[in-house]
Structure formats: C-alpha cells, structure tokens
C-alpha cells in the first residue's frame, strides 16, 4: 500500500473509493479490487494497492485490452478520423515554416493507429510501446517502434521535434521521471502534447467507480488541471494551450452515468453536457 502520492510524494492523502478491473464500459474481473486515494496536496487520484512489474503488464495489458477498437463502429470511426485530422493540424501549426519531415515520437503508441494516420509526407514517425501485443500491432502498420519501457530505452543522439502521449500519462507510475526524460530528447523549440482524463469532469463527479476513464488498475494516476500544472512546473514545461477534444471517446459520459440518477438530466442534453463536462483535457507544452 502506497503511503504517499506517486506524483508529488506528499503523505497528505485520503481514501476516496474502491475500483474494479474495468476498461471503459467493460468489467474484466470483479474480483480485482483496487483502493483509490485523493492527494490533498496536488489534487491527483492514484491507485494505492498495485505493484507495477512484468506480471502486471502481462495480466492487465493482454489481447483483451487491445481488442476494444473502432473497427465496425461507423460513427466512432468517423470521429476518430476527425480527431486525428484535428491533432495533425494543431501539430503542424507549430511548424509552419518547416519544409523537412517533422520527427514525431508517440510514447505508448499502442496499436499504432495515431501515427499510421498522419500524413507520411510531413512526418518521420517513431513510436514507443512496452507491451508485446501493442508493439506487434504497431510494427504491422509500418512504424519504427522502440520496444520497452520509455525510461530504459537508449535513444543515443536521436532527438524529436514533437513528442505525444495520447491517454498514456495516466498509465505511468513515475510521471516526473517521464517528463524529465521527455525534455532530454525533445529538440529546442519542440512541442510536447498529451491528452489525459480529467477527474474534475462531470462523469467522474457523478459516476465515481463507474467512470468510463477510471480503468483500474491500468490508470495508476488520474489528473486534473491543477495536478498537471504541478507536473509541468516541476519538470520545466510551460503549458501554452489547453484543449477540450470532446469528440474523443464520444460516449464516455454516457457510460459513466448509466447507473446514476444524473443520467435523466444529462442524456436529453447529451451533446451540450459532453462538450462542457471536459472528460479529458489536451495540453500543448514547450520546454521552459
């Protein structure tokens, strides 16, 4: 059991709720029970009773985890393509004058869907993936992938102009170490972009243990704006923009509230509530 916050190391925390082995709206194992704590110093929420090791990755990141894709879901697939297009545009606007390919590294690239959809004439694509399943799926997409824990990979003299983490930060046990290593391989003037669930969202406030993005125990640390500011300040990153990409995970709020009375108020106004609930936040940062 952790006695301190894994983000800021404060011992000022309180028990919040019990979570189960869930992924989105799918319950994987009701017998896996996890204690979640709220840090009173930085504001994050963390899983207090899980050991992160090779067995952890084998148990919780198998083929079942990667099988929940967009294939066969027409509307969600359209929104996914729109999301990639939007992400590509706000990356490119930071490199308007650049004519050579932009070197981009996607940490936790999973099945490689994000990188594979980027315009190949504009980007030189690299990925990092720790799981065997995700690594193999990315390689099949023709992506150059570094396999293993990001902290252990020797990039030698290689540096990148853009580093992205799409719903990856919450999976990381040591976020300060992660961002410090990111800073080391990010070129001067480079951009760090990451998206992560927001515990100040409507879905978590009213859904609690049913929140779509709880994803115990894979989501080791969950953030809000304040805890992200703490992390960026500690690692010398300056937040230049915060975005609410409400079209990502279009039904997350719907599934978060399915067992609550709040659904009777939210569902009739779903699009409006989805936009303003800010279930996830995207941060665009530069080195300070």
C-alpha atoms as a PDB file:
ATOM      1  CA  UNK A   1       0.000   0.000   0.000  1.00  0.00           C
ATOM      2  CA  UNK A   2       1.433   3.370  -1.025  1.00  0.00           C
ATOM      3  CA  UNK A   3       1.887   5.776   1.884  1.00  0.00           C
ATOM      4  CA  UNK A   4       2.498   8.796  -0.342  1.00  0.00           C
ATOM      5  CA  UNK A   5       1.310  10.339  -3.588  1.00  0.00           C
ATOM      6  CA  UNK A   6       3.288   8.927  -6.560  1.00  0.00           C
ATOM      7  CA  UNK A   7       3.188  12.348  -8.242  1.00  0.00           C
ATOM      8  CA  UNK A   8       4.176  14.917  -5.601  1.00  0.00           C
ATOM      9  CA  UNK A   9       5.298  12.472  -2.826  1.00  0.00           C
ATOM     10  CA  UNK A  10       3.004  14.096  -0.260  1.00  0.00           C
ATOM     11  CA  UNK A  11       1.657  11.904   2.542  1.00  0.00           C
ATOM     12  CA  UNK A  12      -1.440  14.088   2.790  1.00  0.00           C
ATOM     13  CA  UNK A  13      -3.980  11.878   1.071  1.00  0.00           C
ATOM     14  CA  UNK A  14      -7.375  10.359   1.802  1.00  0.00           C
ATOM     15  CA  UNK A  15      -9.155   7.188   0.744  1.00  0.00           C
ATOM     16  CA  UNK A  16     -11.663   8.004  -1.994  1.00  0.00           C
ATOM     17  CA  UNK A  17     -13.295   4.857  -3.375  1.00  0.00           C
ATOM     18  CA  UNK A  18     -12.817   1.253  -4.451  1.00  0.00           C
ATOM     19  CA  UNK A  19     -12.443   0.443  -8.128  1.00  0.00           C
ATOM     20  CA  UNK A  20     -12.549  -2.790 -10.103  1.00  0.00           C
ATOM     21  CA  UNK A  21     -10.690  -4.183 -13.094  1.00  0.00           C
ATOM     22  CA  UNK A  22     -12.643  -2.269 -15.720  1.00  0.00           C
ATOM     23  CA  UNK A  23     -11.788  -0.935 -19.169  1.00  0.00           C
ATOM     24  CA  UNK A  24     -14.180   1.727 -20.402  1.00  0.00           C
ATOM     25  CA  UNK A  25     -17.643   0.229 -20.033  1.00  0.00           C
ATOM     26  CA  UNK A  26     -16.347  -3.358 -19.810  1.00  0.00           C
ATOM     27  CA  UNK A  27     -15.864  -5.148 -16.488  1.00  0.00           C
ATOM     28  CA  UNK A  28     -12.922  -7.530 -16.875  1.00  0.00           C
ATOM     29  CA  UNK A  29     -12.803  -9.009 -13.362  1.00  0.00           C
ATOM     30  CA  UNK A  30     -14.973  -8.031 -10.397  1.00  0.00           C
ATOM     31  CA  UNK A  31     -12.662  -9.942  -8.033  1.00  0.00           C
ATOM     32  CA  UNK A  32      -9.801  -7.493  -8.683  1.00  0.00           C
ATOM     33  CA  UNK A  33     -10.476  -4.662  -6.231  1.00  0.00           C
ATOM     34  CA  UNK A  34      -8.331  -1.521  -6.006  1.00  0.00           C
ATOM     35  CA  UNK A  35      -8.144   1.294  -3.467  1.00  0.00           C
ATOM     36  CA  UNK A  36      -8.086   4.806  -4.924  1.00  0.00           C
ATOM     37  CA  UNK A  37      -6.777   7.770  -2.941  1.00  0.00           C
ATOM     38  CA  UNK A  38      -7.038  11.530  -3.387  1.00  0.00           C
ATOM     39  CA  UNK A  39      -3.875  13.595  -2.845  1.00  0.00           C
ATOM     40  CA  UNK A  40      -4.725  16.691  -0.821  1.00  0.00           C
ATOM     41  CA  UNK A  41      -1.547  18.443  -1.989  1.00  0.00           C
ATOM     42  CA  UNK A  42      -1.518  18.224  -5.812  1.00  0.00           C
ATOM     43  CA  UNK A  43      -5.085  17.036  -6.402  1.00  0.00           C
ATOM     44  CA  UNK A  44      -4.409  13.838  -8.328  1.00  0.00           C
ATOM     45  CA  UNK A  45      -6.093  10.480  -7.674  1.00  0.00           C
ATOM     46  CA  UNK A  46      -3.996   7.319  -7.540  1.00  0.00           C
ATOM     47  CA  UNK A  47      -4.269   3.548  -7.123  1.00  0.00           C
ATOM     48  CA  UNK A  48      -2.707   2.656  -3.792  1.00  0.00           C
ATOM     49  CA  UNK A  49      -2.529  -1.141  -3.840  1.00  0.00           C
ATOM     50  CA  UNK A  50      -0.923  -2.342  -7.056  1.00  0.00           C
ATOM     51  CA  UNK A  51       2.656  -3.379  -7.868  1.00  0.00           C
ATOM     52  CA  UNK A  52       3.863  -2.432 -11.346  1.00  0.00           C
ATOM     53  CA  UNK A  53       6.099  -5.197 -12.719  1.00  0.00           C
ATOM     54  CA  UNK A  54       6.285  -7.616 -15.662  1.00  0.00           C
ATOM     55  CA  UNK A  55       3.450  -9.713 -14.273  1.00  0.00           C
ATOM     56  CA  UNK A  56       1.311  -6.579 -14.026  1.00  0.00           C
ATOM     57  CA  UNK A  57       1.778  -5.841 -17.743  1.00  0.00           C
ATOM     58  CA  UNK A  58       1.094  -9.441 -18.756  1.00  0.00           C
ATOM     59  CA  UNK A  59      -2.081  -9.588 -16.678  1.00  0.00           C
ATOM     60  CA  UNK A  60      -3.605  -6.197 -17.458  1.00  0.00           C
ATOM     61  CA  UNK A  61      -2.364  -5.404 -20.991  1.00  0.00           C
ATOM     62  CA  UNK A  62      -3.195  -8.569 -22.924  1.00  0.00           C
ATOM     63  CA  UNK A  63      -5.087  -9.050 -26.177  1.00  0.00           C
ATOM     64  CA  UNK A  64      -8.401  -8.325 -24.427  1.00  0.00           C
ATOM     65  CA  UNK A  65      -7.199  -4.794 -23.679  1.00  0.00           C
ATOM     66  CA  UNK A  66      -6.314  -4.019 -27.314  1.00  0.00           C
ATOM     67  CA  UNK A  67      -9.403  -5.669 -28.805  1.00  0.00           C
ATOM     68  CA  UNK A  68     -11.666  -2.709 -27.951  1.00  0.00           C
ATOM     69  CA  UNK A  69     -11.047  -0.828 -31.194  1.00  0.00           C
ATOM     70  CA  UNK A  70     -13.009   1.370 -33.575  1.00  0.00           C
ATOM     71  CA  UNK A  71     -13.395  -1.348 -36.180  1.00  0.00           C
ATOM     72  CA  UNK A  72     -17.014  -1.923 -37.132  1.00  0.00           C
ATOM     73  CA  UNK A  73     -18.238   1.234 -35.354  1.00  0.00           C
ATOM     74  CA  UNK A  74     -19.088   3.643 -38.159  1.00  0.00           C
ATOM     75  CA  UNK A  75     -19.776   6.862 -36.216  1.00  0.00           C
ATOM     76  CA  UNK A  76     -16.910   6.340 -33.771  1.00  0.00           C
ATOM     77  CA  UNK A  77     -14.576   5.594 -36.675  1.00  0.00           C
ATOM     78  CA  UNK A  78     -15.553   8.857 -38.384  1.00  0.00           C
ATOM     79  CA  UNK A  79     -14.960  10.794 -35.161  1.00  0.00           C
ATOM     80  CA  UNK A  80     -11.604   9.050 -34.710  1.00  0.00           C
ATOM     81  CA  UNK A  81     -10.503  10.138 -38.196  1.00  0.00           C
ATOM     82  CA  UNK A  82     -11.706  13.673 -37.447  1.00  0.00           C
ATOM     83  CA  UNK A  83      -9.770  13.623 -34.170  1.00  0.00           C
ATOM     84  CA  UNK A  84      -6.547  12.586 -35.919  1.00  0.00           C
ATOM     85  CA  UNK A  85      -7.055  15.330 -38.507  1.00  0.00           C
ATOM     86  CA  UNK A  86      -7.506  17.929 -35.750  1.00  0.00           C
ATOM     87  CA  UNK A  87      -4.441  16.712 -33.876  1.00  0.00           C
ATOM     88  CA  UNK A  88      -2.356  16.793 -37.044  1.00  0.00           C
ATOM     89  CA  UNK A  89      -3.439  20.380 -37.725  1.00  0.00           C
ATOM     90  CA  UNK A  90      -2.507  21.739 -34.313  1.00  0.00           C
ATOM     91  CA  UNK A  91       0.837  19.954 -34.519  1.00  0.00           C
ATOM     92  CA  UNK A  92       1.562  21.388 -37.967  1.00  0.00           C
ATOM     93  CA  UNK A  93       0.647  24.946 -36.983  1.00  0.00           C
ATOM     94  CA  UNK A  94       3.728  24.907 -34.725  1.00  0.00           C
ATOM     95  CA  UNK A  95       5.953  24.143 -37.732  1.00  0.00           C
ATOM     96  CA  UNK A  96       4.519  26.362 -40.481  1.00  0.00           C
ATOM     97  CA  UNK A  97       7.916  27.273 -41.957  1.00  0.00           C
ATOM     98  CA  UNK A  98       9.403  23.783 -41.798  1.00  0.00           C
ATOM     99  CA  UNK A  99       9.798  22.023 -45.141  1.00  0.00           C
ATOM    100  CA  UNK A 100      11.560  18.844 -43.963  1.00  0.00           C
ATOM    101  CA  UNK A 101       9.690  15.990 -42.319  1.00  0.00           C
ATOM    102  CA  UNK A 102       8.818  16.585 -38.668  1.00  0.00           C
ATOM    103  CA  UNK A 103      10.292  13.971 -36.337  1.00  0.00           C
ATOM    104  CA  UNK A 104       7.483  12.799 -34.079  1.00  0.00           C
ATOM    105  CA  UNK A 105       7.649  10.263 -31.248  1.00  0.00           C
ATOM    106  CA  UNK A 106       4.417   8.801 -29.873  1.00  0.00           C
ATOM    107  CA  UNK A 107       5.029   7.326 -26.417  1.00  0.00           C
ATOM    108  CA  UNK A 108       2.691   4.444 -25.684  1.00  0.00           C
ATOM    109  CA  UNK A 109       1.747   4.162 -29.340  1.00  0.00           C
ATOM    110  CA  UNK A 110      -0.404   1.071 -28.711  1.00  0.00           C
ATOM    111  CA  UNK A 111      -1.621  -0.395 -31.993  1.00  0.00           C
ATOM    112  CA  UNK A 112      -0.089   2.492 -33.978  1.00  0.00           C
ATOM    113  CA  UNK A 113      -3.378   3.944 -35.214  1.00  0.00           C
ATOM    114  CA  UNK A 114      -2.469   7.567 -34.454  1.00  0.00           C
ATOM    115  CA  UNK A 115       0.914   7.520 -36.193  1.00  0.00           C
ATOM    116  CA  UNK A 116      -0.330   5.491 -39.150  1.00  0.00           C
ATOM    117  CA  UNK A 117      -2.995   8.104 -39.935  1.00  0.00           C
ATOM    118  CA  UNK A 118      -0.548  11.053 -40.033  1.00  0.00           C
ATOM    119  CA  UNK A 119       0.499  12.348 -43.451  1.00  0.00           C
ATOM    120  CA  UNK A 120       3.679  10.442 -44.359  1.00  0.00           C
ATOM    121  CA  UNK A 121       4.993  13.308 -46.484  1.00  0.00           C
ATOM    122  CA  UNK A 122       5.040  15.618 -43.425  1.00  0.00           C
ATOM    123  CA  UNK A 123       6.176  13.320 -40.617  1.00  0.00           C
ATOM    124  CA  UNK A 124       9.007  10.946 -39.790  1.00  0.00           C
ATOM    125  CA  UNK A 125       7.209   8.623 -37.381  1.00  0.00           C
ATOM    126  CA  UNK A 126       8.529   6.813 -34.325  1.00  0.00           C
ATOM    127  CA  UNK A 127       6.742   5.023 -31.503  1.00  0.00           C
ATOM    128  CA  UNK A 128       7.444   3.563 -28.075  1.00  0.00           C
ATOM    129  CA  UNK A 129       5.431   0.612 -26.780  1.00  0.00           C
ATOM    130  CA  UNK A 130       6.050  -1.564 -23.734  1.00  0.00           C
ATOM    131  CA  UNK A 131       3.553  -4.363 -24.370  1.00  0.00           C
ATOM    132  CA  UNK A 132       4.280  -7.195 -26.793  1.00  0.00           C
ATOM    133  CA  UNK A 133       0.760  -7.074 -28.220  1.00  0.00           C
ATOM    134  CA  UNK A 134       0.847  -3.329 -28.890  1.00  0.00           C
ATOM    135  CA  UNK A 135       4.379  -3.491 -30.294  1.00  0.00           C
ATOM    136  CA  UNK A 136       3.457  -6.171 -32.835  1.00  0.00           C
ATOM    137  CA  UNK A 137       0.334  -4.284 -33.933  1.00  0.00           C
ATOM    138  CA  UNK A 138       2.339  -1.065 -34.447  1.00  0.00           C
ATOM    139  CA  UNK A 139       5.095  -2.784 -36.415  1.00  0.00           C
ATOM    140  CA  UNK A 140       2.458  -4.241 -38.739  1.00  0.00           C
ATOM    141  CA  UNK A 141       1.441  -0.653 -39.504  1.00  0.00           C
ATOM    142  CA  UNK A 142       4.974   0.005 -40.794  1.00  0.00           C
ATOM    143  CA  UNK A 143       6.026   2.207 -37.866  1.00  0.00           C
ATOM    144  CA  UNK A 144       9.549   2.295 -36.439  1.00  0.00           C
ATOM    145  CA  UNK A 145       8.896   1.253 -32.833  1.00  0.00           C
ATOM    146  CA  UNK A 146      11.186   1.188 -29.804  1.00  0.00           C
ATOM    147  CA  UNK A 147      10.044  -1.730 -27.639  1.00  0.00           C
ATOM    148  CA  UNK A 148      10.214  -1.471 -23.860  1.00  0.00           C
ATOM    149  CA  UNK A 149       9.822   0.960 -21.003  1.00  0.00           C
ATOM    150  CA  UNK A 150      10.463   4.509 -22.229  1.00  0.00           C
ATOM    151  CA  UNK A 151      12.755   5.165 -19.250  1.00  0.00           C
ATOM    152  CA  UNK A 152      15.027   2.260 -20.255  1.00  0.00           C
ATOM    153  CA  UNK A 153      15.333   2.971 -23.985  1.00  0.00           C
ATOM    154  CA  UNK A 154      18.653   4.277 -25.314  1.00  0.00           C
ATOM    155  CA  UNK A 155      17.812   6.842 -27.983  1.00  0.00           C
ATOM    156  CA  UNK A 156      21.537   7.647 -28.358  1.00  0.00           C
ATOM    157  CA  UNK A 157      21.743  11.093 -30.008  1.00  0.00           C
ATOM    158  CA  UNK A 158      18.271  10.969 -31.530  1.00  0.00           C
ATOM    159  CA  UNK A 159      16.004  13.920 -30.735  1.00  0.00           C
ATOM    160  CA  UNK A 160      12.434  14.712 -31.729  1.00  0.00           C
ATOM    161  CA  UNK A 161      10.526  17.864 -32.609  1.00  0.00           C
ATOM    162  CA  UNK A 162       7.178  16.578 -31.347  1.00  0.00           C
ATOM    163  CA  UNK A 163       6.505  14.088 -28.562  1.00  0.00           C
ATOM    164  CA  UNK A 164       2.952  12.923 -27.941  1.00  0.00           C
ATOM    165  CA  UNK A 165       1.212  10.886 -25.254  1.00  0.00           C
ATOM    166  CA  UNK A 166      -2.432  10.144 -26.034  1.00  0.00           C
ATOM    167  CA  UNK A 167      -4.098   8.830 -22.881  1.00  0.00           C
ATOM    168  CA  UNK A 168      -0.755   7.464 -21.708  1.00  0.00           C
ATOM    169  CA  UNK A 169       0.252   9.739 -18.819  1.00  0.00           C
ATOM    170  CA  UNK A 170      -2.331   8.146 -16.523  1.00  0.00           C
ATOM    171  CA  UNK A 171      -0.666   4.750 -17.091  1.00  0.00           C
ATOM    172  CA  UNK A 172       2.749   5.963 -15.882  1.00  0.00           C
ATOM    173  CA  UNK A 173       3.993   5.109 -12.392  1.00  0.00           C
ATOM    174  CA  UNK A 174       6.713   7.807 -12.261  1.00  0.00           C
ATOM    175  CA  UNK A 175       5.445  10.876 -14.192  1.00  0.00           C
ATOM    176  CA  UNK A 176       8.164  13.305 -13.049  1.00  0.00           C
ATOM    177  CA  UNK A 177      10.841  10.935 -14.309  1.00  0.00           C
ATOM    178  CA  UNK A 178       8.894  10.520 -17.564  1.00  0.00           C
ATOM    179  CA  UNK A 179       8.656  14.256 -18.276  1.00  0.00           C
ATOM    180  CA  UNK A 180      12.322  14.772 -17.356  1.00  0.00           C
ATOM    181  CA  UNK A 181      13.301  12.114 -19.894  1.00  0.00           C
ATOM    182  CA  UNK A 182      10.963  13.649 -22.480  1.00  0.00           C
ATOM    183  CA  UNK A 183      12.672  17.013 -22.004  1.00  0.00           C
ATOM    184  CA  UNK A 184      16.056  15.398 -22.602  1.00  0.00           C
ATOM    185  CA  UNK A 185      15.153  14.078 -26.079  1.00  0.00           C
ATOM    186  CA  UNK A 186      12.905  16.962 -27.159  1.00  0.00           C
ATOM    187  CA  UNK A 187      14.641  19.390 -29.505  1.00  0.00           C
ATOM    188  CA  UNK A 188      14.937  23.060 -28.633  1.00  0.00           C
ATOM    189  CA  UNK A 189      11.673  24.669 -29.690  1.00  0.00           C
ATOM    190  CA  UNK A 190       9.992  21.265 -29.720  1.00  0.00           C
ATOM    191  CA  UNK A 191       6.455  20.568 -28.583  1.00  0.00           C
ATOM    192  CA  UNK A 192       5.068  18.129 -26.019  1.00  0.00           C
ATOM    193  CA  UNK A 193       1.389  17.271 -26.498  1.00  0.00           C
ATOM    194  CA  UNK A 194      -0.572  14.962 -24.238  1.00  0.00           C
ATOM    195  CA  UNK A 195      -4.192  14.106 -23.508  1.00  0.00           C
ATOM    196  CA  UNK A 196      -5.348  12.649 -20.198  1.00  0.00           C
ATOM    197  CA  UNK A 197      -8.647  12.050 -18.355  1.00  0.00           C
ATOM    198  CA  UNK A 198      -9.853  14.860 -16.107  1.00  0.00           C
ATOM    199  CA  UNK A 199     -11.014  13.986 -12.573  1.00  0.00           C
ATOM    200  CA  UNK A 200     -12.784  17.346 -12.344  1.00  0.00           C
ATOM    201  CA  UNK A 201     -15.165  16.166 -15.047  1.00  0.00           C
ATOM    202  CA  UNK A 202     -18.901  15.682 -14.700  1.00  0.00           C
ATOM    203  CA  UNK A 203     -18.508  11.962 -15.429  1.00  0.00           C
ATOM    204  CA  UNK A 204     -16.178  11.313 -12.507  1.00  0.00           C
ATOM    205  CA  UNK A 205     -18.006  13.608 -10.113  1.00  0.00           C
ATOM    206  CA  UNK A 206     -21.281  11.728 -10.562  1.00  0.00           C
ATOM    207  CA  UNK A 207     -20.132   8.370 -11.940  1.00  0.00           C
ATOM    208  CA  UNK A 208     -17.465   7.604  -9.337  1.00  0.00           C
ATOM    209  CA  UNK A 209     -16.386   3.963  -9.633  1.00  0.00           C
ATOM    210  CA  UNK A 210     -18.450   3.706 -12.856  1.00  0.00           C
ATOM    211  CA  UNK A 211     -16.470   6.485 -14.569  1.00  0.00           C
ATOM    212  CA  UNK A 212     -15.506   5.429 -18.089  1.00  0.00           C
ATOM    213  CA  UNK A 213     -11.908   6.619 -17.641  1.00  0.00           C
ATOM    214  CA  UNK A 214     -11.258   5.068 -14.222  1.00  0.00           C
ATOM    215  CA  UNK A 215      -9.783   1.966 -15.923  1.00  0.00           C
ATOM    216  CA  UNK A 216      -8.382   0.388 -12.762  1.00  0.00           C
ATOM    217  CA  UNK A 217      -5.642  -0.680 -12.349  1.00  0.00           C
ATOM    218  CA  UNK A 218      -4.118   0.496 -15.644  1.00  0.00           C
ATOM    219  CA  UNK A 219      -4.770   4.152 -14.818  1.00  0.00           C
ATOM    220  CA  UNK A 220      -2.311   4.478 -11.962  1.00  0.00           C
ATOM    221  CA  UNK A 221      -2.606   8.265 -11.569  1.00  0.00           C
ATOM    222  CA  UNK A 222      -5.542  10.422 -12.663  1.00  0.00           C
ATOM    223  CA  UNK A 223      -5.149  14.176 -13.098  1.00  0.00           C
ATOM    224  CA  UNK A 224      -6.964  17.494 -13.094  1.00  0.00           C
ATOM    225  CA  UNK A 225      -5.726  20.879 -14.317  1.00  0.00           C
ATOM    226  CA  UNK A 226      -4.011  21.630 -11.001  1.00  0.00           C
ATOM    227  CA  UNK A 227      -2.033  18.376 -10.843  1.00  0.00           C
ATOM    228  CA  UNK A 228      -0.930  18.738 -14.485  1.00  0.00           C
ATOM    229  CA  UNK A 229       0.267  22.269 -13.733  1.00  0.00           C
ATOM    230  CA  UNK A 230       2.230  20.870 -10.784  1.00  0.00           C
ATOM    231  CA  UNK A 231       3.861  18.224 -13.004  1.00  0.00           C
ATOM    232  CA  UNK A 232       4.744  20.660 -15.802  1.00  0.00           C
ATOM    233  CA  UNK A 233       6.108  23.221 -13.352  1.00  0.00           C
ATOM    234  CA  UNK A 234       8.272  20.609 -11.672  1.00  0.00           C
ATOM    235  CA  UNK A 235       9.766  19.454 -14.999  1.00  0.00           C
ATOM    236  CA  UNK A 236      10.206  22.898 -16.608  1.00  0.00           C
ATOM    237  CA  UNK A 237       7.438  22.652 -19.199  1.00  0.00           C
ATOM    238  CA  UNK A 238       5.258  25.651 -19.955  1.00  0.00           C
ATOM    239  CA  UNK A 239       1.625  24.970 -20.858  1.00  0.00           C
ATOM    240  CA  UNK A 240       0.808  27.099 -23.896  1.00  0.00           C
ATOM    241  CA  UNK A 241      -2.692  25.790 -24.598  1.00  0.00           C
ATOM    242  CA  UNK A 242      -5.352  23.525 -23.051  1.00  0.00           C
ATOM    243  CA  UNK A 243      -7.923  21.925 -25.342  1.00  0.00           C
ATOM    244  CA  UNK A 244     -11.149  20.016 -24.739  1.00  0.00           C
ATOM    245  CA  UNK A 245     -11.361  17.457 -27.549  1.00  0.00           C
ATOM    246  CA  UNK A 246     -14.901  16.378 -26.759  1.00  0.00           C
ATOM    247  CA  UNK A 247     -15.138  14.281 -29.941  1.00  0.00           C
ATOM    248  CA  UNK A 248     -12.628  11.788 -28.493  1.00  0.00           C
ATOM    249  CA  UNK A 249     -14.424   8.941 -26.704  1.00  0.00           C
ATOM    250  CA  UNK A 250     -17.844  10.302 -27.743  1.00  0.00           C
ATOM    251  CA  UNK A 251     -19.841   8.040 -25.409  1.00  0.00           C
ATOM    252  CA  UNK A 252     -17.621   8.188 -22.316  1.00  0.00           C
ATOM    253  CA  UNK A 253     -20.006  10.434 -20.365  1.00  0.00           C
ATOM    254  CA  UNK A 254     -22.977   8.289 -21.427  1.00  0.00           C
ATOM    255  CA  UNK A 255     -21.419   5.123 -19.995  1.00  0.00           C
ATOM    256  CA  UNK A 256     -20.126   6.883 -16.880  1.00  0.00           C
ATOM    257  CA  UNK A 257     -23.639   7.868 -15.806  1.00  0.00           C
ATOM    258  CA  UNK A 258     -25.615   4.796 -16.861  1.00  0.00           C
ATOM    259  CA  UNK A 259     -26.123   3.637 -13.242  1.00  0.00           C
ATOM    260  CA  UNK A 260     -26.795   7.086 -11.744  1.00  0.00           C
ATOM    261  CA  UNK A 261     -29.804   9.357 -11.377  1.00  0.00           C
ATOM    262  CA  UNK A 262     -27.800  12.063 -13.186  1.00  0.00           C
ATOM    263  CA  UNK A 263     -28.446  10.304 -16.499  1.00  0.00           C
ATOM    264  CA  UNK A 264     -32.053  11.532 -16.511  1.00  0.00           C
ATOM    265  CA  UNK A 265     -30.766  15.104 -16.635  1.00  0.00           C
ATOM    266  CA  UNK A 266     -27.704  14.558 -18.836  1.00  0.00           C
ATOM    267  CA  UNK A 267     -28.958  12.203 -21.554  1.00  0.00           C
ATOM    268  CA  UNK A 268     -31.574  14.591 -23.048  1.00  0.00           C
ATOM    269  CA  UNK A 269     -28.863  17.275 -23.255  1.00  0.00           C
ATOM    270  CA  UNK A 270     -26.037  14.889 -24.071  1.00  0.00           C
ATOM    271  CA  UNK A 271     -24.146  16.835 -26.746  1.00  0.00           C
ATOM    272  CA  UNK A 272     -24.229  20.025 -24.684  1.00  0.00           C
ATOM    273  CA  UNK A 273     -23.166  18.218 -21.487  1.00  0.00           C
ATOM    274  CA  UNK A 274     -20.466  16.259 -23.332  1.00  0.00           C
ATOM    275  CA  UNK A 275     -18.865  19.462 -24.602  1.00  0.00           C
ATOM    276  CA  UNK A 276     -18.829  21.158 -21.210  1.00  0.00           C
ATOM    277  CA  UNK A 277     -18.067  18.192 -18.946  1.00  0.00           C
ATOM    278  CA  UNK A 278     -14.417  18.063 -20.112  1.00  0.00           C
ATOM    279  CA  UNK A 279     -13.968  14.327 -19.558  1.00  0.00           C
ATOM    280  CA  UNK A 280     -10.406  14.626 -20.904  1.00  0.00           C
ATOM    281  CA  UNK A 281      -8.012  17.530 -21.432  1.00  0.00           C
ATOM    282  CA  UNK A 282      -5.298  18.003 -24.059  1.00  0.00           C
ATOM    283  CA  UNK A 283      -2.196  20.030 -23.151  1.00  0.00           C
ATOM    284  CA  UNK A 284       0.239  21.637 -25.600  1.00  0.00           C
ATOM    285  CA  UNK A 285       3.547  22.450 -23.906  1.00  0.00           C
ATOM    286  CA  UNK A 286       7.028  23.758 -24.617  1.00  0.00           C
ATOM    287  CA  UNK A 287      10.209  23.498 -22.616  1.00  0.00           C
ATOM    288  CA  UNK A 288      10.583  26.447 -20.248  1.00  0.00           C
END
